[in-house]
C-alpha atoms as a PDB file:
ATOM      1  CA  MET A   1      -1.509  -3.437  18.777  1.00  0.00           C
ATOM      2  CA  ALA A   2       1.282  -5.851  17.872  1.00  0.00           C
ATOM      3  CA  GLY A   3       3.519  -4.297  15.260  1.00  0.00           C
ATOM      4  CA  ALA A   4       4.923  -5.150  11.877  1.00  0.00           C
ATOM      5  CA  PHE A   5       8.465  -6.173  12.802  1.00  0.00           C
ATOM      6  CA  ALA A   6       9.953  -7.974  15.794  1.00  0.00           C
ATOM      7  CA  GLY A   7      11.946  -5.424  17.740  1.00  0.00           C
ATOM      8  CA  GLY A   8      10.714  -2.561  15.579  1.00  0.00           C
ATOM      9  CA  THR A   9      10.784   0.994  16.925  1.00  0.00           C
ATOM     10  CA  VAL A  10       7.454   2.842  16.777  1.00  0.00           C
ATOM     11  CA  ARG A  11       7.305   6.597  16.218  1.00  0.00           C
ATOM     12  CA  ARG A  12       4.531   9.141  15.822  1.00  0.00           C
ATOM     13  CA  ILE A  13       5.070  11.772  13.152  1.00  0.00           C
ATOM     14  CA  ALA A  14       3.027  14.971  13.156  1.00  0.00           C
ATOM     15  CA  VAL A  15       1.195  15.707   9.905  1.00  0.00           C
ATOM     16  CA  PRO A  16      -1.738  17.987   9.060  1.00  0.00           C
ATOM     17  CA  GLY A  17      -4.726  16.921  11.151  1.00  0.00           C
ATOM     18  CA  GLY A  18      -2.950  14.555  13.518  1.00  0.00           C
ATOM     19  CA  ASP A  19      -0.126  12.070  13.374  1.00  0.00           C
ATOM     20  CA  LEU A  20       1.080   9.007  11.505  1.00  0.00           C
ATOM     21  CA  VAL A  21       2.431   5.925  13.232  1.00  0.00           C
ATOM     22  CA  VAL A  22       5.527   4.424  11.634  1.00  0.00           C
ATOM     23  CA  GLU A  23       7.548   1.389  12.649  1.00  0.00           C
ATOM     24  CA  VAL A  24      11.252   1.109  11.839  1.00  0.00           C
ATOM     25  CA  ALA A  25      13.492  -1.967  11.814  1.00  0.00           C
ATOM     26  CA  GLY A  26      16.663  -3.219  10.166  1.00  0.00           C
ATOM     27  CA  SER A  27      19.632  -1.388   8.706  1.00  0.00           C
ATOM     28  CA  GLY A  28      20.806  -0.232   5.308  1.00  0.00           C
ATOM     29  CA  PRO A  29      19.025   1.713   2.557  1.00  0.00           C
ATOM     30  CA  ALA A  30      15.526   2.731   3.651  1.00  0.00           C
ATOM     31  CA  ILE A  31      12.286   1.342   2.229  1.00  0.00           C
ATOM     32  CA  ILE A  32       9.030   3.123   3.091  1.00  0.00           C
ATOM     33  CA  PHE A  33       6.078   0.706   2.870  1.00  0.00           C
ATOM     34  CA  LEU A  34       2.490   1.853   2.192  1.00  0.00           C
ATOM     35  CA  HIS A  35      -0.237  -0.690   2.941  1.00  0.00           C
ATOM     36  CA  GLY A  36      -3.465  -1.357   1.068  1.00  0.00           C
ATOM     37  CA  TRP A  37      -6.984  -0.148   1.815  1.00  0.00           C
ATOM     38  CA  THR A  38      -8.575  -1.324   5.124  1.00  0.00           C
ATOM     39  CA  LEU A  39      -5.191  -2.696   6.268  1.00  0.00           C
ATOM     40  CA  ASP A  40      -2.358  -1.282   8.386  1.00  0.00           C
ATOM     41  CA  ARG A  41       1.389  -1.572   8.815  1.00  0.00           C
ATOM     42  CA  ARG A  42       1.099  -5.202   9.967  1.00  0.00           C
ATOM     43  CA  GLN A  43       0.507  -6.094   6.335  1.00  0.00           C
ATOM     44  CA  TRP A  44       4.301  -6.018   5.864  1.00  0.00           C
ATOM     45  CA  ARG A  45       5.258  -8.539   8.583  1.00  0.00           C
ATOM     46  CA  ALA A  46       6.483 -11.056   6.032  1.00  0.00           C
ATOM     47  CA  GLN A  47       8.813  -8.437   4.571  1.00  0.00           C
ATOM     48  CA  SER A  48      10.822  -8.481   7.827  1.00  0.00           C
ATOM     49  CA  ALA A  49      13.132 -10.871   5.949  1.00  0.00           C
ATOM     50  CA  LEU A  50      14.439  -7.786   4.127  1.00  0.00           C
ATOM     51  CA  ALA A  51      15.670  -6.196   7.370  1.00  0.00           C
ATOM     52  CA  ASP A  52      19.147  -7.720   7.027  1.00  0.00           C
ATOM     53  CA  ASP A  53      19.808  -5.486   4.027  1.00  0.00           C
ATOM     54  CA  PHE A  54      17.364  -2.572   4.366  1.00  0.00           C
ATOM     55  CA  THR A  55      15.937  -0.198   6.941  1.00  0.00           C
ATOM     56  CA  LEU A  56      12.224  -0.992   6.853  1.00  0.00           C
ATOM     57  CA  VAL A  57       9.701   1.789   7.530  1.00  0.00           C
ATOM     58  CA  ALA A  58       6.120   0.509   7.756  1.00  0.00           C
ATOM     59  CA  VAL A  59       3.460   3.222   7.890  1.00  0.00           C
ATOM     60  CA  ASP A  60      -0.074   3.294   9.245  1.00  0.00           C
ATOM     61  CA  ARG A  61      -1.506   5.569   6.549  1.00  0.00           C
ATOM     62  CA  ARG A  62      -3.875   8.378   7.558  1.00  0.00           C
ATOM     63  CA  GLY A  63      -7.284   6.955   8.434  1.00  0.00           C
ATOM     64  CA  PHE A  64      -5.904   3.488   9.229  1.00  0.00           C
ATOM     65  CA  GLY A  65      -4.255   1.548  12.015  1.00  0.00           C
ATOM     66  CA  GLU A  66      -3.040   3.610  14.957  1.00  0.00           C
ATOM     67  CA  SER A  67      -2.607   6.855  13.019  1.00  0.00           C
ATOM     68  CA  SER A  68      -4.816   9.747  14.140  1.00  0.00           C
ATOM     69  CA  ALA A  69      -4.551  11.867  10.976  1.00  0.00           C
ATOM     70  CA  PRO A  70      -7.913  11.962   9.188  1.00  0.00           C
ATOM     71  CA  PRO A  71      -8.497  10.246   5.824  1.00  0.00           C
ATOM     72  CA  ASP A  72      -7.394  12.376   2.879  1.00  0.00           C
ATOM     73  CA  LEU A  73      -5.963  10.536  -0.097  1.00  0.00           C
ATOM     74  CA  ALA A  74      -4.875  13.741  -1.811  1.00  0.00           C
ATOM     75  CA  GLU A  75      -2.677  14.572   1.202  1.00  0.00           C
ATOM     76  CA  GLU A  76      -0.939  11.195   1.339  1.00  0.00           C
ATOM     77  CA  PRO A  77       1.731  11.707  -1.358  1.00  0.00           C
ATOM     78  CA  GLU A  78       3.066  14.617   0.693  1.00  0.00           C
ATOM     79  CA  ASP A  79       2.874  12.475   3.839  1.00  0.00           C
ATOM     80  CA  VAL A  80       5.617  10.313   2.345  1.00  0.00           C
ATOM     81  CA  ALA A  81       7.888  13.349   2.142  1.00  0.00           C
ATOM     82  CA  ARG A  82       6.986  14.275   5.719  1.00  0.00           C
ATOM     83  CA  ILE A  83       7.882  10.781   6.934  1.00  0.00           C
ATOM     84  CA  ALA A  84      11.227  10.840   5.129  1.00  0.00           C
ATOM     85  CA  ALA A  85      12.047  14.269   6.583  1.00  0.00           C
ATOM     86  CA  ALA A  86      11.049  13.299  10.130  1.00  0.00           C
ATOM     87  CA  LEU A  87      13.223  10.190   9.999  1.00  0.00           C
ATOM     88  CA  GLY A  88      16.143  12.026   8.430  1.00  0.00           C
ATOM     89  CA  LEU A  89      16.051   9.942   5.247  1.00  0.00           C
ATOM     90  CA  ALA A  90      17.900  11.851   2.554  1.00  0.00           C
ATOM     91  CA  ARG A  91      17.396   8.868   0.218  1.00  0.00           C
ATOM     92  CA  TYR A  92      14.708   6.201   0.287  1.00  0.00           C
ATOM     93  CA  HIS A  93      12.903   3.567  -1.751  1.00  0.00           C
ATOM     94  CA  LEU A  94       9.094   3.364  -1.799  1.00  0.00           C
ATOM     95  CA  VAL A  95       6.929   0.226  -1.955  1.00  0.00           C
ATOM     96  CA  GLY A  96       3.126   0.354  -2.033  1.00  0.00           C
ATOM     97  CA  LEU A  97       0.342  -2.205  -2.271  1.00  0.00           C
ATOM     98  CA  SER A  98      -3.012  -1.493  -3.949  1.00  0.00           C
ATOM     99  CA  GLN A  99      -4.312   1.900  -2.749  1.00  0.00           C
ATOM    100  CA  GLY A 100      -0.946   2.439  -1.072  1.00  0.00           C
ATOM    101  CA  GLY A 101       0.602   1.818  -4.486  1.00  0.00           C
ATOM    102  CA  LYS A 102      -1.529   4.563  -5.984  1.00  0.00           C
ATOM    103  CA  VAL A 103      -0.270   6.949  -3.309  1.00  0.00           C
ATOM    104  CA  ALA A 104       3.287   5.827  -4.063  1.00  0.00           C
ATOM    105  CA  LEU A 105       2.804   6.515  -7.779  1.00  0.00           C
ATOM    106  CA  ALA A 106       1.490  10.015  -7.074  1.00  0.00           C
ATOM    107  CA  HIS A 107       4.451  10.723  -4.797  1.00  0.00           C
ATOM    108  CA  ALA A 108       6.922   9.465  -7.393  1.00  0.00           C
ATOM    109  CA  ALA A 109       5.284  11.480 -10.190  1.00  0.00           C
ATOM    110  CA  ALA A 110       6.203  14.648  -8.293  1.00  0.00           C
ATOM    111  CA  ASN A 111       9.857  13.588  -8.668  1.00  0.00           C
ATOM    112  CA  PRO A 112      10.939  14.205  -5.065  1.00  0.00           C
ATOM    113  CA  ALA A 113      14.682  14.582  -4.636  1.00  0.00           C
ATOM    114  CA  GLY A 114      15.050  11.778  -2.083  1.00  0.00           C
ATOM    115  CA  LEU A 115      13.253   8.984  -3.911  1.00  0.00           C
ATOM    116  CA  GLN A 116      15.596   6.389  -5.412  1.00  0.00           C
ATOM    117  CA  ARG A 117      13.374   3.555  -6.631  1.00  0.00           C
ATOM    118  CA  LEU A 118       9.675   2.678  -6.650  1.00  0.00           C
ATOM    119  CA  VAL A 119       7.787  -0.626  -6.495  1.00  0.00           C
ATOM    120  CA  VAL A 120       3.994  -0.880  -6.699  1.00  0.00           C
ATOM    121  CA  ILE A 121       2.010  -4.100  -6.332  1.00  0.00           C
ATOM    122  CA  GLY A 122      -1.577  -4.429  -7.560  1.00  0.00           C
ATOM    123  CA  ALA A 123      -1.926  -0.655  -7.801  1.00  0.00           C
ATOM    124  CA  PRO A 124      -5.030   0.912  -9.387  1.00  0.00           C
ATOM    125  CA  LEU A 125      -5.020   3.801 -11.855  1.00  0.00           C
ATOM    126  CA  ASP A 126      -7.602   6.196 -13.239  1.00  0.00           C
ATOM    127  CA  VAL A 127      -7.497   4.703 -16.711  1.00  0.00           C
ATOM    128  CA  GLN A 128      -9.813   3.191 -19.303  1.00  0.00           C
ATOM    129  CA  LEU A 129      -8.755  -0.325 -20.344  1.00  0.00           C
ATOM    130  CA  ALA A 130     -10.335  -3.134 -22.290  1.00  0.00           C
ATOM    131  CA  VAL A 131     -10.613  -5.100 -19.040  1.00  0.00           C
ATOM    132  CA  THR A 132     -13.445  -4.080 -16.700  1.00  0.00           C
ATOM    133  CA  PRO A 133     -12.413  -3.097 -13.163  1.00  0.00           C
ATOM    134  CA  GLU A 134     -13.540  -5.383 -10.374  1.00  0.00           C
ATOM    135  CA  ALA A 135     -16.623  -4.060  -8.582  1.00  0.00           C
ATOM    136  CA  VAL A 136     -15.970  -2.918  -5.012  1.00  0.00           C
ATOM    137  CA  PRO A 137     -19.057  -2.530  -2.773  1.00  0.00           C
ATOM    138  CA  LEU A 138     -18.086   0.912  -1.494  1.00  0.00           C
ATOM    139  CA  ALA A 139     -21.637   2.266  -1.260  1.00  0.00           C
ATOM    140  CA  ASP A 140     -22.870  -0.772   0.660  1.00  0.00           C
ATOM    141  CA  MET A 141     -19.863  -0.685   2.979  1.00  0.00           C
ATOM    142  CA  ALA A 142     -20.335   3.038   3.587  1.00  0.00           C
ATOM    143  CA  ALA A 143     -24.018   2.552   4.418  1.00  0.00           C
ATOM    144  CA  LEU A 144     -23.154  -0.176   6.906  1.00  0.00           C
ATOM    145  CA  ALA A 145     -20.435   1.979   8.473  1.00  0.00           C
ATOM    146  CA  ARG A 146     -22.803   4.936   8.838  1.00  0.00           C
ATOM    147  CA  ALA A 147     -25.352   2.629  10.473  1.00  0.00           C
ATOM    148  CA  GLY A 148     -22.756   1.360  12.945  1.00  0.00           C
ATOM    149  CA  GLN A 149     -22.912  -2.146  11.476  1.00  0.00           C
ATOM    150  CA  LEU A 150     -19.145  -2.514  11.375  1.00  0.00           C
ATOM    151  CA  ASP A 151     -19.019  -6.305  11.641  1.00  0.00           C
ATOM    152  CA  ALA A 152     -21.327  -6.647   8.635  1.00  0.00           C
ATOM    153  CA  MET A 153     -19.225  -4.114   6.719  1.00  0.00           C
ATOM    154  CA  ARG A 154     -16.042  -6.073   7.439  1.00  0.00           C
ATOM    155  CA  GLN A 155     -17.559  -9.405   6.499  1.00  0.00           C
ATOM    156  CA  LEU A 156     -18.775  -7.979   3.197  1.00  0.00           C
ATOM    157  CA  TRP A 157     -15.235  -6.864   2.414  1.00  0.00           C
ATOM    158  CA  LEU A 158     -13.628 -10.129   3.526  1.00  0.00           C
ATOM    159  CA  ALA A 159     -15.814 -11.960   1.009  1.00  0.00           C
ATOM    160  CA  HIS A 160     -14.447  -9.873  -1.884  1.00  0.00           C
ATOM    161  CA  PRO A 161     -11.852 -11.232  -4.380  1.00  0.00           C
ATOM    162  CA  LEU A 162      -9.407  -8.449  -3.453  1.00  0.00           C
ATOM    163  CA  THR A 163      -9.184  -9.845   0.087  1.00  0.00           C
ATOM    164  CA  SER A 164      -8.727 -13.422  -1.051  1.00  0.00           C
ATOM    165  CA  ALA A 165      -5.614 -14.840   0.591  1.00  0.00           C
ATOM    166  CA  ALA A 166      -3.975 -18.160   1.323  1.00  0.00           C
ATOM    167  CA  PRO A 167      -5.427 -19.936   4.391  1.00  0.00           C
ATOM    168  CA  PRO A 168      -2.292 -19.434   6.549  1.00  0.00           C
ATOM    169  CA  VAL A 169      -2.695 -15.642   6.396  1.00  0.00           C
ATOM    170  CA  ARG A 170      -6.473 -15.340   6.642  1.00  0.00           C
ATOM    171  CA  GLY A 171      -6.238 -14.827  10.387  1.00  0.00           C
ATOM    172  CA  ALA A 172      -3.736 -11.982  10.067  1.00  0.00           C
ATOM    173  CA  LEU A 173      -5.857 -10.380   7.369  1.00  0.00           C
ATOM    174  CA  ALA A 174      -9.026 -10.661   9.471  1.00  0.00           C
ATOM    175  CA  ALA A 175      -7.198  -9.089  12.435  1.00  0.00           C
ATOM    176  CA  MET A 176      -6.300  -6.039  10.374  1.00  0.00           C
ATOM    177  CA  VAL A 177      -9.766  -5.674   8.878  1.00  0.00           C
ATOM    178  CA  ALA A 178     -11.218  -6.026  12.409  1.00  0.00           C
ATOM    179  CA  ARG A 179      -9.407  -2.785  13.301  1.00  0.00           C
ATOM    180  CA  TYR A 180     -10.710  -0.971  10.213  1.00  0.00           C
ATOM    181  CA  ASP A 181     -13.562   1.305  11.306  1.00  0.00           C
ATOM    182  CA  GLY A 182     -14.709   2.696   7.952  1.00  0.00           C
ATOM    183  CA  ARG A 183     -13.905   6.305   8.802  1.00  0.00           C
ATOM    184  CA  ASP A 184     -12.679   6.974   5.264  1.00  0.00           C
ATOM    185  CA  LEU A 185     -16.037   5.748   3.964  1.00  0.00           C
ATOM    186  CA  VAL A 186     -18.016   8.029   6.268  1.00  0.00           C
ATOM    187  CA  GLN A 187     -15.699  11.057   5.903  1.00  0.00           C
ATOM    188  CA  PRO A 188     -13.576  10.283   2.865  1.00  0.00           C
ATOM    189  CA  GLY A 189     -11.609  13.483   2.426  1.00  0.00           C
ATOM    190  CA  ARG A 190     -10.296  14.424  -1.002  1.00  0.00           C
ATOM    191  CA  PRO A 191      -9.820  11.838  -3.767  1.00  0.00           C
ATOM    192  CA  LEU A 192      -6.514  11.108  -5.473  1.00  0.00           C
ATOM    193  CA  THR A 193      -6.297  10.840  -9.260  1.00  0.00           C
ATOM    194  CA  VAL A 194      -3.341   9.076 -10.886  1.00  0.00           C
ATOM    195  CA  THR A 195      -3.224   8.556 -14.663  1.00  0.00           C
ATOM    196  CA  LEU A 196      -0.835   7.036 -17.149  1.00  0.00           C
ATOM    197  CA  ASP A 197       0.453  10.546 -17.835  1.00  0.00           C
ATOM    198  CA  ASP A 198       1.478  10.696 -14.170  1.00  0.00           C
ATOM    199  CA  VAL A 199       3.211   7.339 -14.543  1.00  0.00           C
ATOM    200  CA  ARG A 200       5.155   8.641 -17.540  1.00  0.00           C
ATOM    201  CA  ARG A 201       6.427  11.520 -15.403  1.00  0.00           C
ATOM    202  CA  ILE A 202       8.162   9.189 -12.955  1.00  0.00           C
ATOM    203  CA  ALA A 203      11.883   9.729 -13.384  1.00  0.00           C
ATOM    204  CA  VAL A 204      13.303   7.091 -11.008  1.00  0.00           C
ATOM    205  CA  PRO A 205      13.581   3.370 -11.804  1.00  0.00           C
ATOM    206  CA  ALA A 206      10.142   1.912 -11.078  1.00  0.00           C
ATOM    207  CA  ALA A 207       8.433  -1.474 -11.255  1.00  0.00           C
ATOM    208  CA  ALA A 208       4.740  -2.349 -11.517  1.00  0.00           C
ATOM    209  CA  LEU A 209       4.096  -5.820 -10.115  1.00  0.00           C
ATOM    210  CA  ALA A 210       0.961  -7.910  -9.764  1.00  0.00           C
ATOM    211  CA  GLY A 211       0.228 -11.267  -8.209  1.00  0.00           C
ATOM    212  CA  ALA A 212      -0.280 -14.051 -10.731  1.00  0.00           C
ATOM    213  CA  ASP A 213      -3.721 -14.599  -9.176  1.00  0.00           C
ATOM    214  CA  ASP A 214      -4.676 -10.936  -8.778  1.00  0.00           C
ATOM    215  CA  THR A 215      -7.836  -9.764 -10.538  1.00  0.00           C
ATOM    216  CA  PRO A 216      -7.689  -9.384 -14.339  1.00  0.00           C
ATOM    217  CA  TRP A 217      -8.028  -5.605 -14.067  1.00  0.00           C
ATOM    218  CA  ARG A 218      -5.134  -5.200 -11.622  1.00  0.00           C
ATOM    219  CA  ARG A 219      -2.928  -7.295 -13.894  1.00  0.00           C
ATOM    220  CA  ALA A 220      -4.052  -5.208 -16.887  1.00  0.00           C
ATOM    221  CA  VAL A 221      -3.182  -2.002 -15.037  1.00  0.00           C
ATOM    222  CA  ALA A 222       0.298  -3.329 -14.299  1.00  0.00           C
ATOM    223  CA  ALA A 223       0.692  -4.173 -17.987  1.00  0.00           C
ATOM    224  CA  ALA A 224      -0.437  -0.667 -18.963  1.00  0.00           C
ATOM    225  CA  MET A 225       2.153   0.836 -16.646  1.00  0.00           C
ATOM    226  CA  ALA A 226       4.784  -1.382 -18.241  1.00  0.00           C
ATOM    227  CA  GLN A 227       3.811   0.021 -21.637  1.00  0.00           C
ATOM    228  CA  ALA A 228       4.188   3.500 -20.106  1.00  0.00           C
ATOM    229  CA  GLY A 229       7.800   2.759 -19.236  1.00  0.00           C
ATOM    230  CA  LEU A 230       7.862   0.957 -15.886  1.00  0.00           C
ATOM    231  CA  ALA A 231       9.511  -2.391 -15.402  1.00  0.00           C
ATOM    232  CA  SER A 232       7.003  -5.177 -14.826  1.00  0.00           C
ATOM    233  CA  GLY A 233       6.778  -8.518 -13.111  1.00  0.00           C
ATOM    234  CA  VAL A 234       4.380 -11.211 -11.954  1.00  0.00           C
ATOM    235  CA  ILE A 235       4.550 -12.576  -8.407  1.00  0.00           C
ATOM    236  CA  ALA A 236       4.109 -16.333  -8.640  1.00  0.00           C
ATOM    237  CA  GLY A 237       1.626 -17.789  -6.182  1.00  0.00           C
ATOM    238  CA  GLY A 238       0.367 -14.373  -5.109  1.00  0.00           C
ATOM    239  CA  GLY A 239      -3.082 -12.895  -5.255  1.00  0.00           C
ATOM    240  CA  HIS A 240      -3.917  -9.249  -4.681  1.00  0.00           C
ATOM    241  CA  LEU A 241      -2.309  -9.502  -1.244  1.00  0.00           C
ATOM    242  CA  ALA A 242       0.898 -11.029  -2.595  1.00  0.00           C
ATOM    243  CA  PRO A 243       3.165  -9.589   0.139  1.00  0.00           C
ATOM    244  CA  MET A 244       1.189 -11.671   2.638  1.00  0.00           C
ATOM    245  CA  ASP A 245       0.348 -14.871   0.782  1.00  0.00           C
ATOM    246  CA  ALA A 246       3.486 -15.150  -1.390  1.00  0.00           C
ATOM    247  CA  PRO A 247       6.130 -13.479   0.778  1.00  0.00           C
ATOM    248  CA  ALA A 248       9.218 -15.233  -0.579  1.00  0.00           C
ATOM    249  CA  ALA A 249       8.339 -14.412  -4.190  1.00  0.00           C
ATOM    250  CA  THR A 250       7.346 -10.857  -3.245  1.00  0.00           C
ATOM    251  CA  ASN A 251      10.555 -10.266  -1.311  1.00  0.00           C
ATOM    252  CA  ALA A 252      12.615 -11.588  -4.215  1.00  0.00           C
ATOM    253  CA  ALA A 253      10.760  -9.274  -6.622  1.00  0.00           C
ATOM    254  CA  ILE A 254      11.318  -6.276  -4.327  1.00  0.00           C
ATOM    255  CA  ARG A 255      15.022  -7.078  -3.999  1.00  0.00           C
ATOM    256  CA  ALA A 256      15.352  -7.360  -7.786  1.00  0.00           C
ATOM    257  CA  ALA A 257      13.526  -4.080  -8.379  1.00  0.00           C
ATOM    258  CA  LEU A 258      15.670  -2.224  -5.852  1.00  0.00           C
ATOM    259  CA  ALA A 259      18.990  -3.652  -7.012  1.00  0.00           C
END
């Protein structure tokens, strides 16, 4: 599989149940990147522009990409600490998109000693808001995965608003989803709950971002996190997958949040 960054170094890190694949490039303060659901570390290719100033660490989360560790959302916040330890990162920033953002929030809420700053983009929360969450066809996708109808499962997901993306990146998105095999739908592991109380426990500087064209609920969640004390921002020209379809604006927002 082609990686996230040109000239990146790929490593396998042992974690409970298997290993995680990480790709490292650049130099400077470290950023650990956590991709969204059904995607993999290639999601962060457009963030390679940050490699002049940062060491970029793109992760295939457990259950995705080339990682062999089984799906288990509740285990993933600790995986971040395992990655930092394996790479010798005494200090690091953390950036997560969507489900990866939820993992990042849970990790930050534990107030790990090495975390310096946090950025989440389009992250969900377990919260009741006036805006209704977008419906995700999880049951239908799981049924298709169990029946071995993986192409139909992927096409169902690619038709969803959360996978809407600018035409130039549709091919890259489809390539990542083509690798997604639905194993977390068939054997999901433990769930991960993150609330506004967890957000309020985050002690490091943190920013909740959302694409200007993300779904109303994702934008409302970002606003709720801003009310809970996080910095906030809107990524112009970006949808839910803003790091891919609005890379310049996303990179500028990440730089500002980590400054």
